[in-house]
């Protein structure tokens, strides 16, 4: 259910890796009735989830047409293997220049509707707020500029791995440090990943409602936005790859806001000491945090340093995620419903 930005071919190649990891994980457990019963429960649970999500709308093809007016999203101005004009060449006949537009209509896990927490929208192009966002990302998010500090570059790379991987790692490490039992860890990981999935749904609803352009398009076309405080740079390129979908909100930030809200409520405090290494594509970068909210904020900031989002998309995304996470924790998978009899 977690969205995958790769092509069907990339996903097909990943499946054997997942299966191999599963075999290795099972091999660590001693043979016996407990292991056999666990496999049966796991397979049954997976089958139930697949059946429940069979008609959730995630595979439904939706045609998306990009805008042509200032402020509206359109395909990357300089297509390359890293920035394709469409996400998957097999979709060319369907004219999908942006990926996963159908996620705006996917059945959520914990929200009442995809639009339950729809955001108010990005700032107007002629506003001072937009000029602030524009000039910030232009200054620190470019591929060839020298304004971004070494730490900001490190932050951009650290948080570039997928949200489910990064936030699940944080959850596991803090849970292990606090001595959380296996049932508690299972509940925590389920809540974290359900809210991240709903963050993608809510984010898609908002982003395809407003269809706001990305920095790489906006900065190259700055002379068309009607704002005297934004100077165009026709050759500007984001530091890291800009995904092919609209800017507002940053769903990376939504996911972080949701996960941080769940973690803070689960552990009874926002304060936590975490030192962690990230995974691919920039595996090995290490960062430390003193609170879940600090981690969520840095996670959002990383998208500005990477040059792929405006500040408003980040800040509003964190707020949207926080609403999703708080509601899910209050209403779903409560401990009295998990009692084993």
C-alpha atoms as a PDB file:
ATOM      1  CA  UNK A   1       0.000   0.000   0.000  1.00  0.00           C
ATOM      2  CA  UNK A   2       2.963   2.330   0.474  1.00  0.00           C
ATOM      3  CA  UNK A   3       3.565   4.152  -2.816  1.00  0.00           C
ATOM      4  CA  UNK A   4       6.626   3.197  -4.819  1.00  0.00           C
ATOM      5  CA  UNK A   5       8.143   5.891  -7.043  1.00  0.00           C
ATOM      6  CA  UNK A   6       9.904   3.276  -9.187  1.00  0.00           C
ATOM      7  CA  UNK A   7       8.758   1.638 -12.413  1.00  0.00           C
ATOM      8  CA  UNK A   8       7.011  -1.789 -12.565  1.00  0.00           C
ATOM      9  CA  UNK A   9      10.329  -3.247 -13.716  1.00  0.00           C
ATOM     10  CA  UNK A  10      12.119  -1.849 -10.657  1.00  0.00           C
ATOM     11  CA  UNK A  11       9.410  -3.223  -8.379  1.00  0.00           C
ATOM     12  CA  UNK A  12       9.673  -6.647 -10.043  1.00  0.00           C
ATOM     13  CA  UNK A  13      13.425  -6.662  -9.387  1.00  0.00           C
ATOM     14  CA  UNK A  14      12.859  -5.733  -5.737  1.00  0.00           C
ATOM     15  CA  UNK A  15      10.511  -8.664  -5.051  1.00  0.00           C
ATOM     16  CA  UNK A  16      13.255 -11.353  -4.944  1.00  0.00           C
ATOM     17  CA  UNK A  17      15.183  -9.170  -2.476  1.00  0.00           C
ATOM     18  CA  UNK A  18      12.151  -8.998  -0.200  1.00  0.00           C
ATOM     19  CA  UNK A  19      11.629 -12.755  -0.417  1.00  0.00           C
ATOM     20  CA  UNK A  20      15.299 -13.386   0.359  1.00  0.00           C
ATOM     21  CA  UNK A  21      15.168 -11.111   3.399  1.00  0.00           C
ATOM     22  CA  UNK A  22      12.068 -12.957   4.601  1.00  0.00           C
ATOM     23  CA  UNK A  23      13.846 -16.311   4.339  1.00  0.00           C
ATOM     24  CA  UNK A  24      16.843 -14.981   6.272  1.00  0.00           C
ATOM     25  CA  UNK A  25      14.603 -13.534   8.996  1.00  0.00           C
ATOM     26  CA  UNK A  26      12.716 -16.816   9.414  1.00  0.00           C
ATOM     27  CA  UNK A  27      15.973 -18.784   9.575  1.00  0.00           C
ATOM     28  CA  UNK A  28      16.948 -16.894  12.739  1.00  0.00           C
ATOM     29  CA  UNK A  29      13.946 -18.316  14.609  1.00  0.00           C
ATOM     30  CA  UNK A  30      14.101 -21.812  16.164  1.00  0.00           C
ATOM     31  CA  UNK A  31      11.859 -24.434  14.622  1.00  0.00           C
ATOM     32  CA  UNK A  32       8.838 -25.451  16.658  1.00  0.00           C
ATOM     33  CA  UNK A  33       5.113 -24.888  17.250  1.00  0.00           C
ATOM     34  CA  UNK A  34       5.513 -21.189  18.038  1.00  0.00           C
ATOM     35  CA  UNK A  35       7.268 -20.476  14.732  1.00  0.00           C
ATOM     36  CA  UNK A  36       4.773 -22.550  12.747  1.00  0.00           C
ATOM     37  CA  UNK A  37       1.817 -20.829  14.432  1.00  0.00           C
ATOM     38  CA  UNK A  38       3.352 -17.425  13.789  1.00  0.00           C
ATOM     39  CA  UNK A  39       3.708 -18.152  10.079  1.00  0.00           C
ATOM     40  CA  UNK A  40       0.061 -19.229   9.881  1.00  0.00           C
ATOM     41  CA  UNK A  41      -1.116 -16.078  11.664  1.00  0.00           C
ATOM     42  CA  UNK A  42       1.072 -13.879   9.484  1.00  0.00           C
ATOM     43  CA  UNK A  43      -0.085 -15.454   6.244  1.00  0.00           C
ATOM     44  CA  UNK A  44      -3.718 -15.206   7.311  1.00  0.00           C
ATOM     45  CA  UNK A  45      -3.324 -11.579   8.280  1.00  0.00           C
ATOM     46  CA  UNK A  46      -1.657 -10.774   4.962  1.00  0.00           C
ATOM     47  CA  UNK A  47      -4.428 -12.507   3.032  1.00  0.00           C
ATOM     48  CA  UNK A  48      -7.061 -10.543   4.954  1.00  0.00           C
ATOM     49  CA  UNK A  49      -5.289  -7.255   4.261  1.00  0.00           C
ATOM     50  CA  UNK A  50      -4.944  -8.012   0.556  1.00  0.00           C
ATOM     51  CA  UNK A  51      -8.645  -8.864   0.362  1.00  0.00           C
ATOM     52  CA  UNK A  52      -9.623  -5.724   2.265  1.00  0.00           C
ATOM     53  CA  UNK A  53      -7.550  -3.485  -0.003  1.00  0.00           C
ATOM     54  CA  UNK A  54      -8.451  -5.179  -3.279  1.00  0.00           C
ATOM     55  CA  UNK A  55     -10.773  -2.364  -4.334  1.00  0.00           C
ATOM     56  CA  UNK A  56      -9.025   0.534  -2.579  1.00  0.00           C
ATOM     57  CA  UNK A  57      -8.484   2.450  -5.824  1.00  0.00           C
ATOM     58  CA  UNK A  58      -4.682   2.350  -5.853  1.00  0.00           C
ATOM     59  CA  UNK A  59      -4.334   0.622  -9.275  1.00  0.00           C
ATOM     60  CA  UNK A  60      -7.054   2.657 -11.017  1.00  0.00           C
ATOM     61  CA  UNK A  61      -5.738   4.565 -14.035  1.00  0.00           C
ATOM     62  CA  UNK A  62      -6.478   8.287 -13.931  1.00  0.00           C
ATOM     63  CA  UNK A  63      -5.456  10.574 -16.766  1.00  0.00           C
ATOM     64  CA  UNK A  64      -3.673  13.700 -15.569  1.00  0.00           C
ATOM     65  CA  UNK A  65      -3.128  16.729 -17.798  1.00  0.00           C
ATOM     66  CA  UNK A  66      -0.451  19.240 -16.745  1.00  0.00           C
ATOM     67  CA  UNK A  67      -1.112  22.978 -16.630  1.00  0.00           C
ATOM     68  CA  UNK A  68       0.428  25.635 -18.823  1.00  0.00           C
ATOM     69  CA  UNK A  69      -0.263  28.765 -16.758  1.00  0.00           C
ATOM     70  CA  UNK A  70       2.255  30.232 -14.264  1.00  0.00           C
ATOM     71  CA  UNK A  71       2.018  28.426 -10.954  1.00  0.00           C
ATOM     72  CA  UNK A  72       0.681  25.155 -12.369  1.00  0.00           C
ATOM     73  CA  UNK A  73       2.683  21.932 -12.418  1.00  0.00           C
ATOM     74  CA  UNK A  74       4.135  20.682 -15.649  1.00  0.00           C
ATOM     75  CA  UNK A  75       6.762  17.996 -16.483  1.00  0.00           C
ATOM     76  CA  UNK A  76      10.391  18.598 -15.625  1.00  0.00           C
ATOM     77  CA  UNK A  77      11.845  21.224 -18.005  1.00  0.00           C
ATOM     78  CA  UNK A  78      14.981  19.173 -18.652  1.00  0.00           C
ATOM     79  CA  UNK A  79      14.011  15.474 -18.930  1.00  0.00           C
ATOM     80  CA  UNK A  80      16.697  12.904 -18.204  1.00  0.00           C
ATOM     81  CA  UNK A  81      16.838   9.314 -16.914  1.00  0.00           C
ATOM     82  CA  UNK A  82      16.699  10.774 -13.390  1.00  0.00           C
ATOM     83  CA  UNK A  83      13.937  13.258 -14.265  1.00  0.00           C
ATOM     84  CA  UNK A  84      11.714  11.563 -16.857  1.00  0.00           C
ATOM     85  CA  UNK A  85       8.857  13.516 -18.419  1.00  0.00           C
ATOM     86  CA  UNK A  86       6.647  10.676 -17.176  1.00  0.00           C
ATOM     87  CA  UNK A  87       7.385   8.167 -14.436  1.00  0.00           C
ATOM     88  CA  UNK A  88       6.967   5.022 -16.518  1.00  0.00           C
ATOM     89  CA  UNK A  89       7.420   4.848 -20.318  1.00  0.00           C
ATOM     90  CA  UNK A  90       4.682   2.191 -20.474  1.00  0.00           C
ATOM     91  CA  UNK A  91       2.210   4.896 -19.439  1.00  0.00           C
ATOM     92  CA  UNK A  92       3.028   7.176 -22.378  1.00  0.00           C
ATOM     93  CA  UNK A  93      -0.092   6.170 -24.282  1.00  0.00           C
ATOM     94  CA  UNK A  94      -2.196   7.180 -21.280  1.00  0.00           C
ATOM     95  CA  UNK A  95      -0.538  10.600 -21.083  1.00  0.00           C
ATOM     96  CA  UNK A  96       0.450  10.469 -17.420  1.00  0.00           C
ATOM     97  CA  UNK A  97       3.071  13.190 -16.990  1.00  0.00           C
ATOM     98  CA  UNK A  98       2.777  13.033 -13.172  1.00  0.00           C
ATOM     99  CA  UNK A  99       2.886   9.901 -11.055  1.00  0.00           C
ATOM    100  CA  UNK A 100       0.176   8.449  -8.835  1.00  0.00           C
ATOM    101  CA  UNK A 101      -2.685  10.921  -9.408  1.00  0.00           C
ATOM    102  CA  UNK A 102      -5.055   8.110  -8.410  1.00  0.00           C
ATOM    103  CA  UNK A 103      -3.749   8.288  -4.841  1.00  0.00           C
ATOM    104  CA  UNK A 104      -5.996  11.308  -4.309  1.00  0.00           C
ATOM    105  CA  UNK A 105      -8.907   8.834  -4.432  1.00  0.00           C
ATOM    106  CA  UNK A 106      -7.466   5.843  -2.559  1.00  0.00           C
ATOM    107  CA  UNK A 107      -9.419   4.511   0.428  1.00  0.00           C
ATOM    108  CA  UNK A 108      -7.513   5.626   3.565  1.00  0.00           C
ATOM    109  CA  UNK A 109      -6.536   3.364   6.462  1.00  0.00           C
ATOM    110  CA  UNK A 110      -7.436   5.709   9.321  1.00  0.00           C
ATOM    111  CA  UNK A 111      -8.920   8.876   7.805  1.00  0.00           C
ATOM    112  CA  UNK A 112     -12.628   9.230   7.066  1.00  0.00           C
ATOM    113  CA  UNK A 113     -11.912  10.534   3.532  1.00  0.00           C
ATOM    114  CA  UNK A 114      -8.833  11.472   1.476  1.00  0.00           C
ATOM    115  CA  UNK A 115      -9.808  15.147   1.779  1.00  0.00           C
ATOM    116  CA  UNK A 116     -10.465  15.126   5.548  1.00  0.00           C
ATOM    117  CA  UNK A 117      -7.348  17.207   6.213  1.00  0.00           C
ATOM    118  CA  UNK A 118      -7.087  19.059   2.900  1.00  0.00           C
ATOM    119  CA  UNK A 119      -4.774  22.057   3.228  1.00  0.00           C
ATOM    120  CA  UNK A 120      -5.637  25.707   2.416  1.00  0.00           C
ATOM    121  CA  UNK A 121      -3.277  25.895  -0.553  1.00  0.00           C
ATOM    122  CA  UNK A 122       0.087  27.373  -1.514  1.00  0.00           C
ATOM    123  CA  UNK A 123       0.749  31.126  -1.286  1.00  0.00           C
ATOM    124  CA  UNK A 124      -0.331  33.351  -4.180  1.00  0.00           C
ATOM    125  CA  UNK A 125       2.408  33.944  -6.749  1.00  0.00           C
ATOM    126  CA  UNK A 126       2.343  37.719  -6.172  1.00  0.00           C
ATOM    127  CA  UNK A 127       2.673  37.404  -2.382  1.00  0.00           C
ATOM    128  CA  UNK A 128       5.665  38.142  -0.179  1.00  0.00           C
ATOM    129  CA  UNK A 129       5.362  34.635   1.259  1.00  0.00           C
ATOM    130  CA  UNK A 130       5.820  33.078  -2.168  1.00  0.00           C
ATOM    131  CA  UNK A 131       8.832  35.308  -2.859  1.00  0.00           C
ATOM    132  CA  UNK A 132      10.334  34.205   0.455  1.00  0.00           C
ATOM    133  CA  UNK A 133       9.835  30.527  -0.399  1.00  0.00           C
ATOM    134  CA  UNK A 134      11.136  31.021  -3.935  1.00  0.00           C
ATOM    135  CA  UNK A 135      14.327  32.802  -2.935  1.00  0.00           C
ATOM    136  CA  UNK A 136      15.071  30.398  -0.094  1.00  0.00           C
ATOM    137  CA  UNK A 137      14.996  27.260  -2.208  1.00  0.00           C
ATOM    138  CA  UNK A 138      16.764  29.041  -5.053  1.00  0.00           C
ATOM    139  CA  UNK A 139      19.543  29.976  -2.647  1.00  0.00           C
ATOM    140  CA  UNK A 140      20.084  26.693  -0.785  1.00  0.00           C
ATOM    141  CA  UNK A 141      18.543  24.022  -3.036  1.00  0.00           C
ATOM    142  CA  UNK A 142      20.411  24.404  -6.313  1.00  0.00           C
ATOM    143  CA  UNK A 143      22.678  21.759  -7.773  1.00  0.00           C
ATOM    144  CA  UNK A 144      25.566  24.077  -8.595  1.00  0.00           C
ATOM    145  CA  UNK A 145      25.233  26.929  -6.087  1.00  0.00           C
ATOM    146  CA  UNK A 146      27.511  27.489  -3.074  1.00  0.00           C
ATOM    147  CA  UNK A 147      24.914  28.849  -0.613  1.00  0.00           C
ATOM    148  CA  UNK A 148      24.010  25.476   0.917  1.00  0.00           C
ATOM    149  CA  UNK A 149      26.147  24.585   3.941  1.00  0.00           C
ATOM    150  CA  UNK A 150      27.867  21.234   4.441  1.00  0.00           C
ATOM    151  CA  UNK A 151      25.349  20.336   7.166  1.00  0.00           C
ATOM    152  CA  UNK A 152      22.402  21.264   4.962  1.00  0.00           C
ATOM    153  CA  UNK A 153      23.801  19.021   2.241  1.00  0.00           C
ATOM    154  CA  UNK A 154      24.147  16.220   4.804  1.00  0.00           C
ATOM    155  CA  UNK A 155      20.533  16.726   5.913  1.00  0.00           C
ATOM    156  CA  UNK A 156      19.282  16.594   2.315  1.00  0.00           C
ATOM    157  CA  UNK A 157      21.067  13.297   1.760  1.00  0.00           C
ATOM    158  CA  UNK A 158      20.200  11.746   5.138  1.00  0.00           C
ATOM    159  CA  UNK A 159      16.444  12.136   4.676  1.00  0.00           C
ATOM    160  CA  UNK A 160      16.326  11.182   0.998  1.00  0.00           C
ATOM    161  CA  UNK A 161      15.498   7.534   1.692  1.00  0.00           C
ATOM    162  CA  UNK A 162      11.829   6.540   1.707  1.00  0.00           C
ATOM    163  CA  UNK A 163       9.739   7.682   4.675  1.00  0.00           C
ATOM    164  CA  UNK A 164       8.497   4.193   5.688  1.00  0.00           C
ATOM    165  CA  UNK A 165      12.068   2.945   5.948  1.00  0.00           C
ATOM    166  CA  UNK A 166      13.457   5.912   7.861  1.00  0.00           C
ATOM    167  CA  UNK A 167      10.612   6.375  10.333  1.00  0.00           C
ATOM    168  CA  UNK A 168      10.216   2.635  10.938  1.00  0.00           C
ATOM    169  CA  UNK A 169      13.909   2.539  11.835  1.00  0.00           C
ATOM    170  CA  UNK A 170      13.442   5.383  14.322  1.00  0.00           C
ATOM    171  CA  UNK A 171      10.447   3.555  15.837  1.00  0.00           C
ATOM    172  CA  UNK A 172      12.366   0.279  16.172  1.00  0.00           C
ATOM    173  CA  UNK A 173      15.444   1.863  17.713  1.00  0.00           C
ATOM    174  CA  UNK A 174      13.553   3.890  20.308  1.00  0.00           C
ATOM    175  CA  UNK A 175      11.321   0.906  21.119  1.00  0.00           C
ATOM    176  CA  UNK A 176      14.371  -1.300  21.651  1.00  0.00           C
ATOM    177  CA  UNK A 177      15.993   1.316  23.888  1.00  0.00           C
ATOM    178  CA  UNK A 178      12.799   1.598  25.975  1.00  0.00           C
ATOM    179  CA  UNK A 179      12.322  -2.171  26.214  1.00  0.00           C
ATOM    180  CA  UNK A 180       8.950  -2.289  24.442  1.00  0.00           C
ATOM    181  CA  UNK A 181       7.552  -5.831  24.178  1.00  0.00           C
ATOM    182  CA  UNK A 182       6.903  -7.452  20.750  1.00  0.00           C
ATOM    183  CA  UNK A 183       3.149  -6.728  20.839  1.00  0.00           C
ATOM    184  CA  UNK A 184       3.883  -3.072  21.537  1.00  0.00           C
ATOM    185  CA  UNK A 185       6.416  -2.874  18.715  1.00  0.00           C
ATOM    186  CA  UNK A 186       3.937  -4.461  16.305  1.00  0.00           C
ATOM    187  CA  UNK A 187       1.279  -1.931  17.311  1.00  0.00           C
ATOM    188  CA  UNK A 188       3.711   0.965  16.983  1.00  0.00           C
ATOM    189  CA  UNK A 189       4.950  -0.040  13.537  1.00  0.00           C
ATOM    190  CA  UNK A 190       1.394  -0.630  12.321  1.00  0.00           C
ATOM    191  CA  UNK A 191       0.317   2.844  13.450  1.00  0.00           C
ATOM    192  CA  UNK A 192       3.414   4.558  12.039  1.00  0.00           C
ATOM    193  CA  UNK A 193       3.050   2.954   8.626  1.00  0.00           C
ATOM    194  CA  UNK A 194      -0.745   3.282   8.429  1.00  0.00           C
ATOM    195  CA  UNK A 195      -0.451   7.013   9.077  1.00  0.00           C
ATOM    196  CA  UNK A 196       2.385   7.362   6.574  1.00  0.00           C
ATOM    197  CA  UNK A 197       0.193   5.626   3.975  1.00  0.00           C
ATOM    198  CA  UNK A 198      -2.668   7.976   4.821  1.00  0.00           C
ATOM    199  CA  UNK A 199      -0.219  10.858   4.576  1.00  0.00           C
ATOM    200  CA  UNK A 200       0.405   9.901   0.968  1.00  0.00           C
ATOM    201  CA  UNK A 201      -3.347   9.751   0.341  1.00  0.00           C
ATOM    202  CA  UNK A 202      -4.072  13.112   1.997  1.00  0.00           C
ATOM    203  CA  UNK A 203      -1.032  14.646   0.327  1.00  0.00           C
ATOM    204  CA  UNK A 204      -2.150  13.435  -3.097  1.00  0.00           C
ATOM    205  CA  UNK A 205      -5.624  14.828  -2.530  1.00  0.00           C
ATOM    206  CA  UNK A 206      -4.195  18.247  -1.708  1.00  0.00           C
ATOM    207  CA  UNK A 207      -1.454  18.315  -4.325  1.00  0.00           C
ATOM    208  CA  UNK A 208      -3.690  17.297  -7.220  1.00  0.00           C
ATOM    209  CA  UNK A 209      -6.334  19.745  -6.035  1.00  0.00           C
ATOM    210  CA  UNK A 210      -3.951  22.731  -6.317  1.00  0.00           C
ATOM    211  CA  UNK A 211      -1.457  21.382  -8.912  1.00  0.00           C
ATOM    212  CA  UNK A 212       1.271  23.792  -7.819  1.00  0.00           C
ATOM    213  CA  UNK A 213       4.530  23.929  -9.711  1.00  0.00           C
ATOM    214  CA  UNK A 214       7.865  22.666  -8.425  1.00  0.00           C
ATOM    215  CA  UNK A 215      10.866  24.928  -7.717  1.00  0.00           C
ATOM    216  CA  UNK A 216      12.758  23.677 -10.780  1.00  0.00           C
ATOM    217  CA  UNK A 217       9.929  24.898 -13.012  1.00  0.00           C
ATOM    218  CA  UNK A 218       9.136  28.038 -11.024  1.00  0.00           C
ATOM    219  CA  UNK A 219      12.708  29.316 -10.864  1.00  0.00           C
ATOM    220  CA  UNK A 220      13.316  28.773 -14.553  1.00  0.00           C
ATOM    221  CA  UNK A 221      10.077  30.600 -15.336  1.00  0.00           C
ATOM    222  CA  UNK A 222      10.379  33.279 -12.655  1.00  0.00           C
ATOM    223  CA  UNK A 223       9.749  36.098 -15.122  1.00  0.00           C
ATOM    224  CA  UNK A 224       6.191  34.828 -15.665  1.00  0.00           C
ATOM    225  CA  UNK A 225       4.962  34.736 -12.047  1.00  0.00           C
ATOM    226  CA  UNK A 226       4.099  38.446 -11.738  1.00  0.00           C
ATOM    227  CA  UNK A 227       6.254  38.875  -8.631  1.00  0.00           C
ATOM    228  CA  UNK A 228       8.967  41.549  -8.813  1.00  0.00           C
ATOM    229  CA  UNK A 229      10.882  39.881  -5.964  1.00  0.00           C
ATOM    230  CA  UNK A 230      11.558  36.660  -7.893  1.00  0.00           C
ATOM    231  CA  UNK A 231      14.376  36.696 -10.446  1.00  0.00           C
ATOM    232  CA  UNK A 232      14.408  33.868 -12.976  1.00  0.00           C
ATOM    233  CA  UNK A 233      17.332  31.514 -13.540  1.00  0.00           C
ATOM    234  CA  UNK A 234      16.730  29.550 -16.789  1.00  0.00           C
ATOM    235  CA  UNK A 235      19.449  27.006 -15.961  1.00  0.00           C
ATOM    236  CA  UNK A 236      18.600  26.313 -12.309  1.00  0.00           C
ATOM    237  CA  UNK A 237      18.493  22.644 -11.303  1.00  0.00           C
ATOM    238  CA  UNK A 238      17.582  21.055  -7.964  1.00  0.00           C
ATOM    239  CA  UNK A 239      20.413  19.532  -5.926  1.00  0.00           C
ATOM    240  CA  UNK A 240      18.691  16.128  -5.781  1.00  0.00           C
ATOM    241  CA  UNK A 241      16.218  14.603  -8.207  1.00  0.00           C
ATOM    242  CA  UNK A 242      12.834  16.341  -8.367  1.00  0.00           C
ATOM    243  CA  UNK A 243      10.062  13.701  -8.370  1.00  0.00           C
ATOM    244  CA  UNK A 244       7.515  14.060 -11.201  1.00  0.00           C
ATOM    245  CA  UNK A 245       4.439  15.302  -9.306  1.00  0.00           C
ATOM    246  CA  UNK A 246       3.138  18.647  -7.957  1.00  0.00           C
ATOM    247  CA  UNK A 247       4.778  20.535  -5.096  1.00  0.00           C
ATOM    248  CA  UNK A 248       2.145  21.291  -2.456  1.00  0.00           C
ATOM    249  CA  UNK A 249       2.319  19.647   0.001  1.00  0.00           C
ATOM    250  CA  UNK A 250       5.578  17.804   0.486  1.00  0.00           C
ATOM    251  CA  UNK A 251       4.300  14.298   1.241  1.00  0.00           C
ATOM    252  CA  UNK A 252       7.731  13.497   2.672  1.00  0.00           C
ATOM    253  CA  UNK A 253       6.928  16.158   5.273  1.00  0.00           C
ATOM    254  CA  UNK A 254       3.372  14.865   5.744  1.00  0.00           C
ATOM    255  CA  UNK A 255       4.762  11.394   6.440  1.00  0.00           C
ATOM    256  CA  UNK A 256       7.262  12.777   8.952  1.00  0.00           C
ATOM    257  CA  UNK A 257       4.624  14.826  10.737  1.00  0.00           C
ATOM    258  CA  UNK A 258       2.325  11.803  11.002  1.00  0.00           C
ATOM    259  CA  UNK A 259       5.038   9.435  12.231  1.00  0.00           C
ATOM    260  CA  UNK A 260       6.372  11.945  14.774  1.00  0.00           C
ATOM    261  CA  UNK A 261       2.861  12.489  16.190  1.00  0.00           C
ATOM    262  CA  UNK A 262       2.340   8.743  16.639  1.00  0.00           C
ATOM    263  CA  UNK A 263       5.768   8.253  18.212  1.00  0.00           C
ATOM    264  CA  UNK A 264       5.367  11.128  20.683  1.00  0.00           C
ATOM    265  CA  UNK A 265       1.983   9.827  21.849  1.00  0.00           C
ATOM    266  CA  UNK A 266       3.099   6.203  21.981  1.00  0.00           C
ATOM    267  CA  UNK A 267       6.105   6.979  24.197  1.00  0.00           C
ATOM    268  CA  UNK A 268       4.252   9.607  26.205  1.00  0.00           C
ATOM    269  CA  UNK A 269       6.702  12.371  25.371  1.00  0.00           C
ATOM    270  CA  UNK A 270       8.057  14.291  22.418  1.00  0.00           C
ATOM    271  CA  UNK A 271      11.524  14.293  23.988  1.00  0.00           C
ATOM    272  CA  UNK A 272      13.845  11.533  22.843  1.00  0.00           C
ATOM    273  CA  UNK A 273      17.534  11.058  22.116  1.00  0.00           C
ATOM    274  CA  UNK A 274      18.151   9.335  18.799  1.00  0.00           C
ATOM    275  CA  UNK A 275      21.356   8.857  16.836  1.00  0.00           C
ATOM    276  CA  UNK A 276      20.817   7.006  13.604  1.00  0.00           C
ATOM    277  CA  UNK A 277      22.382   6.115  10.273  1.00  0.00           C
ATOM    278  CA  UNK A 278      20.231   6.366   7.159  1.00  0.00           C
ATOM    279  CA  UNK A 279      19.750   3.791   4.442  1.00  0.00           C
ATOM    280  CA  UNK A 280      20.046   4.091   0.619  1.00  0.00           C
ATOM    281  CA  UNK A 281      20.432   5.995  -1.606  1.00  0.00           C
ATOM    282  CA  UNK A 282      22.945   7.804   0.641  1.00  0.00           C
ATOM    283  CA  UNK A 283      23.465   5.066   3.210  1.00  0.00           C
ATOM    284  CA  UNK A 284      25.724   5.726   6.178  1.00  0.00           C
ATOM    285  CA  UNK A 285      25.002   9.395   6.903  1.00  0.00           C
ATOM    286  CA  UNK A 286      24.468   9.843  10.662  1.00  0.00           C
ATOM    287  CA  UNK A 287      22.231  12.409  12.382  1.00  0.00           C
ATOM    288  CA  UNK A 288      21.127  12.971  15.999  1.00  0.00           C
ATOM    289  CA  UNK A 289      17.809  14.303  17.356  1.00  0.00           C
ATOM    290  CA  UNK A 290      16.508  15.435  20.731  1.00  0.00           C
ATOM    291  CA  UNK A 291      12.806  15.140  19.931  1.00  0.00           C
ATOM    292  CA  UNK A 292      10.465  13.555  17.431  1.00  0.00           C
ATOM    293  CA  UNK A 293       9.252  16.980  16.335  1.00  0.00           C
ATOM    294  CA  UNK A 294      12.845  18.081  15.696  1.00  0.00           C
ATOM    295  CA  UNK A 295      13.321  15.031  13.481  1.00  0.00           C
ATOM    296  CA  UNK A 296      10.082  15.808  11.621  1.00  0.00           C
ATOM    297  CA  UNK A 297      11.166  19.409  11.057  1.00  0.00           C
ATOM    298  CA  UNK A 298      14.599  18.409   9.780  1.00  0.00           C
ATOM    299  CA  UNK A 299      12.976  15.772   7.579  1.00  0.00           C
ATOM    300  CA  UNK A 300      10.895  18.557   6.023  1.00  0.00           C
ATOM    301  CA  UNK A 301      13.796  20.995   5.771  1.00  0.00           C
ATOM    302  CA  UNK A 302      15.711  18.373   3.812  1.00  0.00           C
ATOM    303  CA  UNK A 303      13.345  18.814   0.881  1.00  0.00           C
ATOM    304  CA  UNK A 304      14.217  22.505   0.656  1.00  0.00           C
ATOM    305  CA  UNK A 305      17.954  21.784   0.843  1.00  0.00           C
ATOM    306  CA  UNK A 306      17.447  19.151  -1.868  1.00  0.00           C
ATOM    307  CA  UNK A 307      15.750  21.831  -3.985  1.00  0.00           C
ATOM    308  CA  UNK A 308      12.573  19.831  -4.524  1.00  0.00           C
ATOM    309  CA  UNK A 309       9.984  21.729  -2.404  1.00  0.00           C
ATOM    310  CA  UNK A 310       9.045  25.214  -1.260  1.00  0.00           C
ATOM    311  CA  UNK A 311       8.931  26.089   2.462  1.00  0.00           C
ATOM    312  CA  UNK A 312       5.117  26.382   2.518  1.00  0.00           C
ATOM    313  CA  UNK A 313       4.779  22.866   1.104  1.00  0.00           C
ATOM    314  CA  UNK A 314       6.991  21.604   3.927  1.00  0.00           C
ATOM    315  CA  UNK A 315       5.432  23.480   6.848  1.00  0.00           C
ATOM    316  CA  UNK A 316       1.841  22.815   5.820  1.00  0.00           C
ATOM    317  CA  UNK A 317       2.750  19.200   5.086  1.00  0.00           C
ATOM    318  CA  UNK A 318       4.066  18.682   8.631  1.00  0.00           C
ATOM    319  CA  UNK A 319       0.839  20.152  10.036  1.00  0.00           C
ATOM    320  CA  UNK A 320      -1.283  17.877   7.865  1.00  0.00           C
ATOM    321  CA  UNK A 321       0.709  14.836   8.978  1.00  0.00           C
ATOM    322  CA  UNK A 322       0.422  15.824  12.633  1.00  0.00           C
ATOM    323  CA  UNK A 323      -3.385  15.912  12.332  1.00  0.00           C
ATOM    324  CA  UNK A 324      -3.419  12.480  10.687  1.00  0.00           C
ATOM    325  CA  UNK A 325      -1.091  10.927  13.277  1.00  0.00           C
ATOM    326  CA  UNK A 326      -2.903  12.322  16.329  1.00  0.00           C
ATOM    327  CA  UNK A 327      -6.303  11.183  15.101  1.00  0.00           C
ATOM    328  CA  UNK A 328      -5.071   7.702  14.196  1.00  0.00           C
ATOM    329  CA  UNK A 329      -3.428   7.169  17.574  1.00  0.00           C
ATOM    330  CA  UNK A 330      -6.591   8.220  19.413  1.00  0.00           C
ATOM    331  CA  UNK A 331      -8.971   6.053  17.402  1.00  0.00           C
ATOM    332  CA  UNK A 332      -7.098   3.011  16.067  1.00  0.00           C
ATOM    333  CA  UNK A 333      -5.249  -0.011  17.493  1.00  0.00           C
ATOM    334  CA  UNK A 334      -5.801   0.998  21.090  1.00  0.00           C
ATOM    335  CA  UNK A 335      -4.175  -1.284  23.628  1.00  0.00           C
ATOM    336  CA  UNK A 336      -7.412  -2.676  25.127  1.00  0.00           C
ATOM    337  CA  UNK A 337      -8.333  -3.946  21.657  1.00  0.00           C
ATOM    338  CA  UNK A 338      -5.081  -5.895  21.391  1.00  0.00           C
ATOM    339  CA  UNK A 339      -5.522  -8.037  24.505  1.00  0.00           C
ATOM    340  CA  UNK A 340      -4.553 -11.660  23.890  1.00  0.00           C
ATOM    341  CA  UNK A 341      -7.019 -14.224  25.265  1.00  0.00           C
END
